[in-house]
């Protein structure tokens, strides 16, 4: 899918957040979101930095790694829901079946994912 194939009513913009502990995946995702049209794109590699990022910023879109080291990002996902922030999960483990019921309506990107897959979710 090329940028020209984006539906006319889909115009990604605003700030985006990536919560990802793998630096290569985080950088690749940052570049994809910038190419799609999000700016700025903020990257967090630790969940402990998440509250600070949410306090000072309004994000249009978030890609949230399900597993961050020994932790899951489910508590952070609940904060995003409370704020009305649109997000998708990302995982290299196929966590779809292990997500609690409250998150079943949120999309899950399987790593490695592509810009086209992100665009489909928008």
PDB file of N, CA and C in Angstrom:
ATOM      1  N   UNK A   1       0.858  -1.178   0.000  1.00  0.00           N
ATOM      2  CA  UNK A   1       0.000   0.000   0.000  1.00  0.00           C
ATOM      3  C   UNK A   1       0.895   1.229   0.000  1.00  0.00           C
ATOM      4  N   UNK A   2       0.646   2.160  -0.863  1.00  0.00           N
ATOM      5  CA  UNK A   2       1.413   3.392  -0.917  1.00  0.00           C
ATOM      6  C   UNK A   2       0.647   4.483  -0.206  1.00  0.00           C
ATOM      7  N   UNK A   3       1.326   5.610   0.025  1.00  0.00           N
ATOM      8  CA  UNK A   3       0.666   6.738   0.679  1.00  0.00           C
ATOM      9  C   UNK A   3      -0.537   7.208  -0.115  1.00  0.00           C
ATOM     10  N   UNK A   4      -0.496   7.037  -1.449  1.00  0.00           N
ATOM     11  CA  UNK A   4      -1.605   7.471  -2.282  1.00  0.00           C
ATOM     12  C   UNK A   4      -2.843   6.614  -2.067  1.00  0.00           C
ATOM     13  N   UNK A   5      -2.670   5.433  -1.473  1.00  0.00           N
ATOM     14  CA  UNK A   5      -3.784   4.520  -1.293  1.00  0.00           C
ATOM     15  C   UNK A   5      -4.523   4.752   0.023  1.00  0.00           C
ATOM     16  N   UNK A   6      -4.084   5.706   0.829  1.00  0.00           N
ATOM     17  CA  UNK A   6      -4.783   6.005   2.072  1.00  0.00           C
ATOM     18  C   UNK A   6      -6.136   6.609   1.724  1.00  0.00           C
ATOM     19  N   UNK A   7      -7.162   6.147   2.407  1.00  0.00           N
ATOM     20  CA  UNK A   7      -8.500   6.685   2.165  1.00  0.00           C
ATOM     21  C   UNK A   7      -8.488   8.187   2.389  1.00  0.00           C
ATOM     22  N   UNK A   8      -9.275   8.955   1.598  1.00  0.00           N
ATOM     23  CA  UNK A   8      -9.259  10.411   1.703  1.00  0.00           C
ATOM     24  C   UNK A   8      -9.605  10.926   3.095  1.00  0.00           C
ATOM     25  N   UNK A   9     -10.417  10.197   3.857  1.00  0.00           N
ATOM     26  CA  UNK A   9     -10.794  10.680   5.177  1.00  0.00           C
ATOM     27  C   UNK A   9      -9.772  10.324   6.247  1.00  0.00           C
ATOM     28  N   UNK A  10      -8.722   9.570   5.908  1.00  0.00           N
ATOM     29  CA  UNK A  10      -7.688   9.208   6.867  1.00  0.00           C
ATOM     30  C   UNK A  10      -6.503  10.143   6.692  1.00  0.00           C
ATOM     31  N   UNK A  11      -6.331  11.019   7.665  1.00  0.00           N
ATOM     32  CA  UNK A  11      -5.226  11.961   7.617  1.00  0.00           C
ATOM     33  C   UNK A  11      -4.511  11.918   8.964  1.00  0.00           C
ATOM     34  N   UNK A  12      -3.606  10.937   9.126  1.00  0.00           N
ATOM     35  CA  UNK A  12      -2.892  10.834  10.394  1.00  0.00           C
ATOM     36  C   UNK A  12      -2.130  12.118  10.689  1.00  0.00           C
ATOM     37  N   UNK A  13      -2.270  12.573  11.908  1.00  0.00           N
ATOM     38  CA  UNK A  13      -1.550  13.769  12.319  1.00  0.00           C
ATOM     39  C   UNK A  13      -1.491  13.795  13.836  1.00  0.00           C
ATOM     40  N   UNK A  14      -0.773  14.745  14.346  1.00  0.00           N
ATOM     41  CA  UNK A  14      -0.631  14.888  15.781  1.00  0.00           C
ATOM     42  C   UNK A  14       0.527  14.063  16.301  1.00  0.00           C
ATOM     43  N   UNK A  15       0.675  14.095  17.601  1.00  0.00           N
ATOM     44  CA  UNK A  15       1.771  13.387  18.250  1.00  0.00           C
ATOM     45  C   UNK A  15       1.447  11.906  18.368  1.00  0.00           C
ATOM     46  N   UNK A  16       2.470  11.092  18.236  1.00  0.00           N
ATOM     47  CA  UNK A  16       2.330   9.652  18.419  1.00  0.00           C
ATOM     48  C   UNK A  16       3.339   9.204  19.475  1.00  0.00           C
ATOM     49  N   UNK A  17       3.005   8.118  20.141  1.00  0.00           N
ATOM     50  CA  UNK A  17       3.860   7.555  21.179  1.00  0.00           C
ATOM     51  C   UNK A  17       4.126   6.093  20.862  1.00  0.00           C
ATOM     52  N   UNK A  18       5.372   5.708  21.020  1.00  0.00           N
ATOM     53  CA  UNK A  18       5.776   4.311  20.878  1.00  0.00           C
ATOM     54  C   UNK A  18       6.339   3.880  22.223  1.00  0.00           C
ATOM     55  N   UNK A  19       5.776   2.818  22.781  1.00  0.00           N
ATOM     56  CA  UNK A  19       6.298   2.250  24.027  1.00  0.00           C
ATOM     57  C   UNK A  19       6.863   0.890  23.648  1.00  0.00           C
ATOM     58  N   UNK A  20       8.179   0.823  23.547  1.00  0.00           N
ATOM     59  CA  UNK A  20       8.857  -0.355  22.996  1.00  0.00           C
ATOM     60  C   UNK A  20      10.242  -0.470  23.622  1.00  0.00           C
ATOM     61  N   UNK A  21      10.579  -1.651  24.147  1.00  0.00           N
ATOM     62  CA  UNK A  21      11.880  -1.817  24.799  1.00  0.00           C
ATOM     63  C   UNK A  21      12.988  -2.288  23.856  1.00  0.00           C
ATOM     64  N   UNK A  22      12.653  -2.654  22.637  1.00  0.00           N
ATOM     65  CA  UNK A  22      13.667  -3.039  21.666  1.00  0.00           C
ATOM     66  C   UNK A  22      14.038  -1.801  20.853  1.00  0.00           C
ATOM     67  N   UNK A  23      15.284  -1.315  20.972  1.00  0.00           N
ATOM     68  CA  UNK A  23      15.648  -0.049  20.306  1.00  0.00           C
ATOM     69  C   UNK A  23      15.556  -0.093  18.780  1.00  0.00           C
ATOM     70  N   UNK A  24      15.820  -1.237  18.176  1.00  0.00           N
ATOM     71  CA  UNK A  24      15.741  -1.326  16.713  1.00  0.00           C
ATOM     72  C   UNK A  24      14.294  -1.234  16.251  1.00  0.00           C
ATOM     73  N   UNK A  25      13.404  -1.960  16.926  1.00  0.00           N
ATOM     74  CA  UNK A  25      11.986  -1.893  16.579  1.00  0.00           C
ATOM     75  C   UNK A  25      11.446  -0.493  16.840  1.00  0.00           C
ATOM     76  N   UNK A  26      11.858   0.116  17.947  1.00  0.00           N
ATOM     77  CA  UNK A  26      11.390   1.465  18.283  1.00  0.00           C
ATOM     78  C   UNK A  26      11.800   2.470  17.209  1.00  0.00           C
ATOM     79  N   UNK A  27      13.042   2.413  16.764  1.00  0.00           N
ATOM     80  CA  UNK A  27      13.524   3.348  15.741  1.00  0.00           C
ATOM     81  C   UNK A  27      12.813   3.118  14.418  1.00  0.00           C
ATOM     82  N   UNK A  28      12.647   1.863  14.050  1.00  0.00           N
ATOM     83  CA  UNK A  28      11.945   1.535  12.801  1.00  0.00           C
ATOM     84  C   UNK A  28      10.500   2.037  12.854  1.00  0.00           C
ATOM     85  N   UNK A  29       9.834   1.815  13.981  1.00  0.00           N
ATOM     86  CA  UNK A  29       8.449   2.265  14.146  1.00  0.00           C
ATOM     87  C   UNK A  29       8.361   3.780  14.125  1.00  0.00           C
ATOM     88  N   UNK A  30       9.314   4.443  14.751  1.00  0.00           N
ATOM     89  CA  UNK A  30       9.338   5.901  14.741  1.00  0.00           C
ATOM     90  C   UNK A  30       9.413   6.427  13.310  1.00  0.00           C
ATOM     91  N   UNK A  31      10.283   5.845  12.520  1.00  0.00           N
ATOM     92  CA  UNK A  31      10.416   6.288  11.128  1.00  0.00           C
ATOM     93  C   UNK A  31       9.125   6.037  10.351  1.00  0.00           C
ATOM     94  N   UNK A  32       8.482   4.888  10.581  1.00  0.00           N
ATOM     95  CA  UNK A  32       7.230   4.593   9.881  1.00  0.00           C
ATOM     96  C   UNK A  32       6.144   5.604  10.253  1.00  0.00           C
ATOM     97  N   UNK A  33       6.002   5.903  11.541  1.00  0.00           N
ATOM     98  CA  UNK A  33       4.961   6.840  11.969  1.00  0.00           C
ATOM     99  C   UNK A  33       5.223   8.245  11.449  1.00  0.00           C
ATOM    100  N   UNK A  34       6.484   8.641  11.393  1.00  0.00           N
ATOM    101  CA  UNK A  34       6.814   9.948  10.821  1.00  0.00           C
ATOM    102  C   UNK A  34       6.485   9.986   9.334  1.00  0.00           C
ATOM    103  N   UNK A  35       6.766   8.904   8.614  1.00  0.00           N
ATOM    104  CA  UNK A  35       6.440   8.842   7.182  1.00  0.00           C
ATOM    105  C   UNK A  35       4.931   8.905   6.967  1.00  0.00           C
ATOM    106  N   UNK A  36       4.172   8.328   7.881  1.00  0.00           N
ATOM    107  CA  UNK A  36       2.715   8.339   7.772  1.00  0.00           C
ATOM    108  C   UNK A  36       2.168   9.743   8.004  1.00  0.00           C
ATOM    109  N   UNK A  37       2.854  10.540   8.829  1.00  0.00           N
ATOM    110  CA  UNK A  37       2.414  11.913   9.050  1.00  0.00           C
ATOM    111  C   UNK A  37       2.301  12.347  10.498  1.00  0.00           C
ATOM    112  N   UNK A  38       2.640  11.475  11.436  1.00  0.00           N
ATOM    113  CA  UNK A  38       2.598  11.869  12.842  1.00  0.00           C
ATOM    114  C   UNK A  38       3.832  12.686  13.194  1.00  0.00           C
ATOM    115  N   UNK A  39       3.639  13.703  14.028  1.00  0.00           N
ATOM    116  CA  UNK A  39       4.754  14.514  14.505  1.00  0.00           C
ATOM    117  C   UNK A  39       4.311  15.281  15.741  1.00  0.00           C
ATOM    118  N   UNK A  40       5.123  15.317  16.755  1.00  0.00           N
ATOM    119  CA  UNK A  40       6.334  14.525  16.930  1.00  0.00           C
ATOM    120  C   UNK A  40       5.991  13.083  17.266  1.00  0.00           C
ATOM    121  N   UNK A  41       6.986  12.224  17.135  1.00  0.00           N
ATOM    122  CA  UNK A  41       6.839  10.824  17.533  1.00  0.00           C
ATOM    123  C   UNK A  41       7.774  10.616  18.724  1.00  0.00           C
ATOM    124  N   UNK A  42       7.189  10.306  19.864  1.00  0.00           N
ATOM    125  CA  UNK A  42       7.931  10.122  21.106  1.00  0.00           C
ATOM    126  C   UNK A  42       8.129   8.631  21.338  1.00  0.00           C
ATOM    127  N   UNK A  43       9.337   8.253  21.753  1.00  0.00           N
ATOM    128  CA  UNK A  43       9.646   6.850  22.021  1.00  0.00           C
ATOM    129  C   UNK A  43       9.999   6.688  23.496  1.00  0.00           C
ATOM    130  N   UNK A  44       9.342   5.726  24.143  1.00  0.00           N
ATOM    131  CA  UNK A  44       9.677   5.363  25.515  1.00  0.00           C
ATOM    132  C   UNK A  44      10.162   3.923  25.518  1.00  0.00           C
ATOM    133  N   UNK A  45      11.264   3.679  26.197  1.00  0.00           N
ATOM    134  CA  UNK A  45      11.742   2.304  26.269  1.00  0.00           C
ATOM    135  C   UNK A  45      11.551   1.697  27.656  1.00  0.00           C
ATOM    136  N   UNK A  46      10.905   2.455  28.560  1.00  0.00           N
ATOM    137  CA  UNK A  46      10.592   1.957  29.902  1.00  0.00           C
ATOM    138  C   UNK A  46       9.181   2.393  30.277  1.00  0.00           C
ATOM    139  N   UNK A  47       8.413   1.478  30.843  1.00  0.00           N
ATOM    140  CA  UNK A  47       7.062   1.816  31.286  1.00  0.00           C
ATOM    141  C   UNK A  47       7.078   2.869  32.385  1.00  0.00           C
ATOM    142  N   UNK A  48       8.136   2.891  33.184  1.00  0.00           N
ATOM    143  CA  UNK A  48       8.214   3.854  34.280  1.00  0.00           C
ATOM    144  C   UNK A  48       8.224   5.300  33.781  1.00  0.00           C
ATOM    145  N   UNK A  49       8.594   5.518  32.527  1.00  0.00           N
ATOM    146  CA  UNK A  49       8.574   6.864  31.945  1.00  0.00           C
ATOM    147  C   UNK A  49       7.205   7.230  31.386  1.00  0.00           C
ATOM    148  N   UNK A  50       6.288   6.281  31.368  1.00  0.00           N
ATOM    149  CA  UNK A  50       4.998   6.475  30.731  1.00  0.00           C
ATOM    150  C   UNK A  50       4.132   7.549  31.343  1.00  0.00           C
ATOM    151  N   UNK A  51       4.046   7.593  32.669  1.00  0.00           N
ATOM    152  CA  UNK A  51       3.198   8.597  33.321  1.00  0.00           C
ATOM    153  C   UNK A  51       3.673  10.000  33.019  1.00  0.00           C
ATOM    154  N   UNK A  52       4.977  10.206  33.040  1.00  0.00           N
ATOM    155  CA  UNK A  52       5.514  11.532  32.722  1.00  0.00           C
ATOM    156  C   UNK A  52       5.162  11.928  31.286  1.00  0.00           C
ATOM    157  N   UNK A  53       5.257  10.993  30.379  1.00  0.00           N
ATOM    158  CA  UNK A  53       4.945  11.293  28.979  1.00  0.00           C
ATOM    159  C   UNK A  53       3.470  11.636  28.813  1.00  0.00           C
ATOM    160  N   UNK A  54       2.596  10.933  29.524  1.00  0.00           N
ATOM    161  CA  UNK A  54       1.165  11.207  29.407  1.00  0.00           C
ATOM    162  C   UNK A  54       0.767  12.512  30.069  1.00  0.00           C
ATOM    163  N   UNK A  55       1.495  12.910  31.099  1.00  0.00           N
ATOM    164  CA  UNK A  55       1.165  14.129  31.820  1.00  0.00           C
ATOM    165  C   UNK A  55       1.321  15.364  30.946  1.00  0.00           C
ATOM    166  N   UNK A  56       2.372  15.412  30.168  1.00  0.00           N
ATOM    167  CA  UNK A  56       2.647  16.618  29.414  1.00  0.00           C
ATOM    168  C   UNK A  56       2.267  16.588  27.956  1.00  0.00           C
ATOM    169  N   UNK A  57       1.667  15.509  27.482  1.00  0.00           N
ATOM    170  CA  UNK A  57       1.404  15.383  26.044  1.00  0.00           C
ATOM    171  C   UNK A  57       0.030  14.793  25.765  1.00  0.00           C
ATOM    172  N   UNK A  58      -0.531  15.199  24.647  1.00  0.00           N
ATOM    173  CA  UNK A  58      -1.736  14.561  24.119  1.00  0.00           C
ATOM    174  C   UNK A  58      -1.317  13.798  22.872  1.00  0.00           C
ATOM    175  N   UNK A  59      -1.530  12.510  22.893  1.00  0.00           N
ATOM    176  CA  UNK A  59      -1.123  11.675  21.764  1.00  0.00           C
ATOM    177  C   UNK A  59      -2.342  11.282  20.944  1.00  0.00           C
ATOM    178  N   UNK A  60      -2.187  11.354  19.624  1.00  0.00           N
ATOM    179  CA  UNK A  60      -3.244  10.944  18.706  1.00  0.00           C
ATOM    180  C   UNK A  60      -3.272   9.435  18.537  1.00  0.00           C
ATOM    181  N   UNK A  61      -2.114   8.807  18.709  1.00  0.00           N
ATOM    182  CA  UNK A  61      -1.999   7.387  18.428  1.00  0.00           C
ATOM    183  C   UNK A  61      -0.824   6.825  19.215  1.00  0.00           C
ATOM    184  N   UNK A  62      -1.005   5.614  19.746  1.00  0.00           N
ATOM    185  CA  UNK A  62       0.042   4.963  20.535  1.00  0.00           C
ATOM    186  C   UNK A  62       0.192   3.520  20.064  1.00  0.00           C
ATOM    187  N   UNK A  63       1.443   3.095  19.915  1.00  0.00           N
ATOM    188  CA  UNK A  63       1.757   1.689  19.703  1.00  0.00           C
ATOM    189  C   UNK A  63       2.427   1.206  20.980  1.00  0.00           C
ATOM    190  N   UNK A  64       1.813   0.227  21.610  1.00  0.00           N
ATOM    191  CA  UNK A  64       2.185  -0.194  22.957  1.00  0.00           C
ATOM    192  C   UNK A  64       2.618  -1.660  22.956  1.00  0.00           C
ATOM    193  N   UNK A  65       3.898  -1.888  23.214  1.00  0.00           N
ATOM    194  CA  UNK A  65       4.404  -3.255  23.319  1.00  0.00           C
ATOM    195  C   UNK A  65       3.730  -3.929  24.513  1.00  0.00           C
ATOM    196  N   UNK A  66       3.207  -5.125  24.320  1.00  0.00           N
ATOM    197  CA  UNK A  66       2.505  -5.830  25.397  1.00  0.00           C
ATOM    198  C   UNK A  66       3.464  -6.178  26.529  1.00  0.00           C
ATOM    199  N   UNK A  67       4.623  -6.692  26.164  1.00  0.00           N
ATOM    200  CA  UNK A  67       5.588  -7.113  27.187  1.00  0.00           C
ATOM    201  C   UNK A  67       6.818  -6.234  27.141  1.00  0.00           C
ATOM    202  N   UNK A  68       7.095  -5.630  28.280  1.00  0.00           N
ATOM    203  CA  UNK A  68       8.267  -4.771  28.424  1.00  0.00           C
ATOM    204  C   UNK A  68       9.161  -5.402  29.486  1.00  0.00           C
ATOM    205  N   UNK A  69      10.118  -6.204  29.048  1.00  0.00           N
ATOM    206  CA  UNK A  69      10.957  -6.929  29.993  1.00  0.00           C
ATOM    207  C   UNK A  69      10.114  -7.931  30.764  1.00  0.00           C
ATOM    208  N   UNK A  70      10.135  -7.813  32.085  1.00  0.00           N
ATOM    209  CA  UNK A  70       9.367  -8.721  32.940  1.00  0.00           C
ATOM    210  C   UNK A  70       7.956  -8.217  33.216  1.00  0.00           C
ATOM    211  N   UNK A  71       7.616  -7.041  32.702  1.00  0.00           N
ATOM    212  CA  UNK A  71       6.306  -6.431  32.951  1.00  0.00           C
ATOM    213  C   UNK A  71       5.416  -6.533  31.720  1.00  0.00           C
ATOM    214  N   UNK A  72       4.114  -6.326  31.955  1.00  0.00           N
ATOM    215  CA  UNK A  72       3.205  -6.116  30.834  1.00  0.00           C
ATOM    216  C   UNK A  72       2.794  -4.652  30.854  1.00  0.00           C
ATOM    217  N   UNK A  73       2.288  -4.194  29.742  1.00  0.00           N
ATOM    218  CA  UNK A  73       1.890  -2.792  29.617  1.00  0.00           C
ATOM    219  C   UNK A  73       0.391  -2.595  29.858  1.00  0.00           C
ATOM    220  N   UNK A  74      -0.275  -3.555  30.460  1.00  0.00           N
ATOM    221  CA  UNK A  74      -1.728  -3.490  30.614  1.00  0.00           C
ATOM    222  C   UNK A  74      -2.171  -2.325  31.497  1.00  0.00           C
ATOM    223  N   UNK A  75      -1.439  -2.032  32.558  1.00  0.00           N
ATOM    224  CA  UNK A  75      -1.783  -0.892  33.420  1.00  0.00           C
ATOM    225  C   UNK A  75      -1.687   0.417  32.618  1.00  0.00           C
ATOM    226  N   UNK A  76      -0.652   0.523  31.807  1.00  0.00           N
ATOM    227  CA  UNK A  76      -0.479   1.693  30.954  1.00  0.00           C
ATOM    228  C   UNK A  76      -1.619   1.778  29.940  1.00  0.00           C
ATOM    229  N   UNK A  77      -2.021   0.637  29.402  1.00  0.00           N
ATOM    230  CA  UNK A  77      -3.134   0.604  28.446  1.00  0.00           C
ATOM    231  C   UNK A  77      -4.417   1.110  29.102  1.00  0.00           C
ATOM    232  N   UNK A  78      -4.636   0.757  30.348  1.00  0.00           N
ATOM    233  CA  UNK A  78      -5.825   1.249  31.060  1.00  0.00           C
ATOM    234  C   UNK A  78      -5.802   2.768  31.185  1.00  0.00           C
ATOM    235  N   UNK A  79      -4.623   3.333  31.419  1.00  0.00           N
ATOM    236  CA  UNK A  79      -4.507   4.798  31.480  1.00  0.00           C
ATOM    237  C   UNK A  79      -4.854   5.425  30.127  1.00  0.00           C
ATOM    238  N   UNK A  80      -4.423   4.794  29.054  1.00  0.00           N
ATOM    239  CA  UNK A  80      -4.743   5.305  27.717  1.00  0.00           C
ATOM    240  C   UNK A  80      -6.246   5.270  27.470  1.00  0.00           C
ATOM    241  N   UNK A  81      -6.892   4.206  27.910  1.00  0.00           N
ATOM    242  CA  UNK A  81      -8.348   4.111  27.757  1.00  0.00           C
ATOM    243  C   UNK A  81      -9.037   5.218  28.544  1.00  0.00           C
ATOM    244  N   UNK A  82      -8.598   5.451  29.780  1.00  0.00           N
ATOM    245  CA  UNK A  82      -9.180   6.513  30.613  1.00  0.00           C
ATOM    246  C   UNK A  82      -9.048   7.878  29.947  1.00  0.00           C
ATOM    247  N   UNK A  83      -7.957   8.085  29.238  1.00  0.00           N
ATOM    248  CA  UNK A  83      -7.712   9.365  28.567  1.00  0.00           C
ATOM    249  C   UNK A  83      -8.378   9.441  27.195  1.00  0.00           C
ATOM    250  N   UNK A  84      -8.921   8.331  26.727  1.00  0.00           N
ATOM    251  CA  UNK A  84      -9.541   8.312  25.407  1.00  0.00           C
ATOM    252  C   UNK A  84      -8.532   8.312  24.280  1.00  0.00           C
ATOM    253  N   UNK A  85      -7.331   7.822  24.552  1.00  0.00           N
ATOM    254  CA  UNK A  85      -6.258   7.797  23.560  1.00  0.00           C
ATOM    255  C   UNK A  85      -6.334   6.514  22.741  1.00  0.00           C
ATOM    256  N   UNK A  86      -6.323   6.661  21.435  1.00  0.00           N
ATOM    257  CA  UNK A  86      -6.368   5.508  20.535  1.00  0.00           C
ATOM    258  C   UNK A  86      -5.012   4.808  20.547  1.00  0.00           C
ATOM    259  N   UNK A  87      -5.039   3.487  20.735  1.00  0.00           N
ATOM    260  CA  UNK A  87      -3.793   2.737  20.750  1.00  0.00           C
ATOM    261  C   UNK A  87      -3.990   1.339  20.196  1.00  0.00           C
ATOM    262  N   UNK A  88      -2.868   0.744  19.825  1.00  0.00           N
ATOM    263  CA  UNK A  88      -2.834  -0.655  19.430  1.00  0.00           C
ATOM    264  C   UNK A  88      -1.699  -1.313  20.208  1.00  0.00           C
ATOM    265  N   UNK A  89      -1.872  -2.593  20.436  1.00  0.00           N
ATOM    266  CA  UNK A  89      -0.807  -3.367  21.060  1.00  0.00           C
ATOM    267  C   UNK A  89       0.130  -3.882  19.983  1.00  0.00           C
ATOM    268  N   UNK A  90       1.370  -4.138  20.376  1.00  0.00           N
ATOM    269  CA  UNK A  90       2.341  -4.789  19.504  1.00  0.00           C
ATOM    270  C   UNK A  90       2.973  -5.922  20.299  1.00  0.00           C
ATOM    271  N   UNK A  91       3.209  -7.041  19.623  1.00  0.00           N
ATOM    272  CA  UNK A  91       3.799  -8.175  20.322  1.00  0.00           C
ATOM    273  C   UNK A  91       4.491  -9.108  19.357  1.00  0.00           C
ATOM    274  N   UNK A  92       5.554  -9.687  19.818  1.00  0.00           N
ATOM    275  CA  UNK A  92       6.228 -10.720  19.066  1.00  0.00           C
ATOM    276  C   UNK A  92       5.871 -12.102  19.574  1.00  0.00           C
ATOM    277  N   UNK A  93       4.937 -12.162  20.533  1.00  0.00           N
ATOM    278  CA  UNK A  93       4.601 -13.426  21.184  1.00  0.00           C
ATOM    279  C   UNK A  93       3.210 -13.934  20.855  1.00  0.00           C
ATOM    280  N   UNK A  94       2.450 -13.229  20.053  1.00  0.00           N
ATOM    281  CA  UNK A  94       1.087 -13.660  19.746  1.00  0.00           C
ATOM    282  C   UNK A  94       0.202 -13.641  20.977  1.00  0.00           C
ATOM    283  N   UNK A  95       0.210 -12.539  21.698  1.00  0.00           N
ATOM    284  CA  UNK A  95      -0.496 -12.415  22.972  1.00  0.00           C
ATOM    285  C   UNK A  95      -2.003 -12.246  22.853  1.00  0.00           C
ATOM    286  N   UNK A  96      -2.563 -12.367  21.688  1.00  0.00           N
ATOM    287  CA  UNK A  96      -3.989 -12.115  21.506  1.00  0.00           C
ATOM    288  C   UNK A  96      -4.840 -12.898  22.490  1.00  0.00           C
ATOM    289  N   UNK A  97      -4.536 -14.156  22.683  1.00  0.00           N
ATOM    290  CA  UNK A  97      -5.352 -14.999  23.558  1.00  0.00           C
ATOM    291  C   UNK A  97      -5.140 -14.714  25.034  1.00  0.00           C
ATOM    292  N   UNK A  98      -4.035 -14.071  25.376  1.00  0.00           N
ATOM    293  CA  UNK A  98      -3.750 -13.834  26.790  1.00  0.00           C
ATOM    294  C   UNK A  98      -4.173 -12.451  27.261  1.00  0.00           C
ATOM    295  N   UNK A  99      -4.622 -11.596  26.350  1.00  0.00           N
ATOM    296  CA  UNK A  99      -5.064 -10.265  26.758  1.00  0.00           C
ATOM    297  C   UNK A  99      -6.383 -10.372  27.515  1.00  0.00           C
ATOM    298  N   UNK A 100      -6.526  -9.616  28.610  1.00  0.00           N
ATOM    299  CA  UNK A 100      -7.805  -9.614  29.329  1.00  0.00           C
ATOM    300  C   UNK A 100      -8.949  -9.157  28.416  1.00  0.00           C
ATOM    301  N   UNK A 101     -10.155  -9.554  28.759  1.00  0.00           N
ATOM    302  CA  UNK A 101     -11.343  -9.263  27.956  1.00  0.00           C
ATOM    303  C   UNK A 101     -11.481  -7.774  27.633  1.00  0.00           C
ATOM    304  N   UNK A 102     -11.132  -6.911  28.572  1.00  0.00           N
ATOM    305  CA  UNK A 102     -11.293  -5.464  28.366  1.00  0.00           C
ATOM    306  C   UNK A 102     -10.472  -4.934  27.191  1.00  0.00           C
ATOM    307  N   UNK A 103      -9.473  -5.696  26.739  1.00  0.00           N
ATOM    308  CA  UNK A 103      -8.613  -5.253  25.642  1.00  0.00           C
ATOM    309  C   UNK A 103      -8.859  -5.996  24.334  1.00  0.00           C
ATOM    310  N   UNK A 104      -9.829  -6.870  24.305  1.00  0.00           N
ATOM    311  CA  UNK A 104     -10.067  -7.681  23.110  1.00  0.00           C
ATOM    312  C   UNK A 104     -10.435  -6.847  21.885  1.00  0.00           C
ATOM    313  N   UNK A 105     -10.968  -5.650  22.090  1.00  0.00           N
ATOM    314  CA  UNK A 105     -11.350  -4.809  20.953  1.00  0.00           C
ATOM    315  C   UNK A 105     -10.171  -4.020  20.384  1.00  0.00           C
ATOM    316  N   UNK A 106      -9.030  -4.065  21.041  1.00  0.00           N
ATOM    317  CA  UNK A 106      -7.855  -3.344  20.558  1.00  0.00           C
ATOM    318  C   UNK A 106      -7.038  -4.238  19.634  1.00  0.00           C
ATOM    319  N   UNK A 107      -6.596  -3.643  18.553  1.00  0.00           N
ATOM    320  CA  UNK A 107      -5.822  -4.389  17.567  1.00  0.00           C
ATOM    321  C   UNK A 107      -4.467  -4.792  18.141  1.00  0.00           C
ATOM    322  N   UNK A 108      -3.932  -5.856  17.600  1.00  0.00           N
ATOM    323  CA  UNK A 108      -2.612  -6.341  17.985  1.00  0.00           C
ATOM    324  C   UNK A 108      -1.760  -6.471  16.734  1.00  0.00           C
ATOM    325  N   UNK A 109      -0.687  -5.700  16.676  1.00  0.00           N
ATOM    326  CA  UNK A 109       0.276  -5.810  15.588  1.00  0.00           C
ATOM    327  C   UNK A 109       1.277  -6.898  15.956  1.00  0.00           C
ATOM    328  N   UNK A 110       1.472  -7.850  15.070  1.00  0.00           N
ATOM    329  CA  UNK A 110       2.467  -8.897  15.307  1.00  0.00           C
ATOM    330  C   UNK A 110       3.813  -8.433  14.773  1.00  0.00           C
ATOM    331  N   UNK A 111       4.820  -8.520  15.624  1.00  0.00           N
ATOM    332  CA  UNK A 111       6.171  -8.130  15.205  1.00  0.00           C
ATOM    333  C   UNK A 111       6.778  -9.230  14.358  1.00  0.00           C
ATOM    334  N   UNK A 112       7.515  -8.881  13.347  1.00  0.00           N
ATOM    335  CA  UNK A 112       7.734  -7.525  12.859  1.00  0.00           C
ATOM    336  C   UNK A 112       6.538  -7.064  12.024  1.00  0.00           C
ATOM    337  N   UNK A 113       6.190  -5.814  12.145  1.00  0.00           N
ATOM    338  CA  UNK A 113       5.061  -5.266  11.397  1.00  0.00           C
ATOM    339  C   UNK A 113       5.571  -4.229  10.408  1.00  0.00           C
ATOM    340  N   UNK A 114       4.698  -3.857   9.497  1.00  0.00           N
ATOM    341  CA  UNK A 114       5.071  -2.933   8.430  1.00  0.00           C
ATOM    342  C   UNK A 114       4.266  -1.642   8.519  1.00  0.00           C
ATOM    343  N   UNK A 115       4.714  -0.673   7.762  1.00  0.00           N
ATOM    344  CA  UNK A 115       3.975   0.587   7.674  1.00  0.00           C
ATOM    345  C   UNK A 115       2.581   0.344   7.112  1.00  0.00           C
ATOM    346  N   UNK A 116       2.466  -0.568   6.163  1.00  0.00           N
ATOM    347  CA  UNK A 116       1.168  -0.879   5.563  1.00  0.00           C
ATOM    348  C   UNK A 116       0.204  -1.436   6.608  1.00  0.00           C
ATOM    349  N   UNK A 117       0.708  -2.266   7.516  1.00  0.00           N
ATOM    350  CA  UNK A 117      -0.136  -2.814   8.570  1.00  0.00           C
ATOM    351  C   UNK A 117      -0.612  -1.712   9.519  1.00  0.00           C
ATOM    352  N   UNK A 118       0.250  -0.765   9.815  1.00  0.00           N
ATOM    353  CA  UNK A 118      -0.154   0.367  10.662  1.00  0.00           C
ATOM    354  C   UNK A 118      -1.229   1.178   9.942  1.00  0.00           C
ATOM    355  N   UNK A 119      -1.005   1.447   8.662  1.00  0.00           N
ATOM    356  CA  UNK A 119      -1.976   2.219   7.887  1.00  0.00           C
ATOM    357  C   UNK A 119      -3.342   1.547   7.860  1.00  0.00           C
ATOM    358  N   UNK A 120      -3.374   0.232   7.798  1.00  0.00           N
ATOM    359  CA  UNK A 120      -4.646  -0.485   7.801  1.00  0.00           C
ATOM    360  C   UNK A 120      -5.412  -0.245   9.096  1.00  0.00           C
ATOM    361  N   UNK A 121      -4.703  -0.060  10.193  1.00  0.00           N
ATOM    362  CA  UNK A 121      -5.357   0.178  11.482  1.00  0.00           C
ATOM    363  C   UNK A 121      -5.866   1.603  11.632  1.00  0.00           C
ATOM    364  N   UNK A 122      -5.339   2.488  10.811  1.00  0.00           N
ATOM    365  CA  UNK A 122      -5.774   3.888  10.875  1.00  0.00           C
ATOM    366  C   UNK A 122      -7.016   4.066  10.034  1.00  0.00           C
TER     367      UNK A 122
END
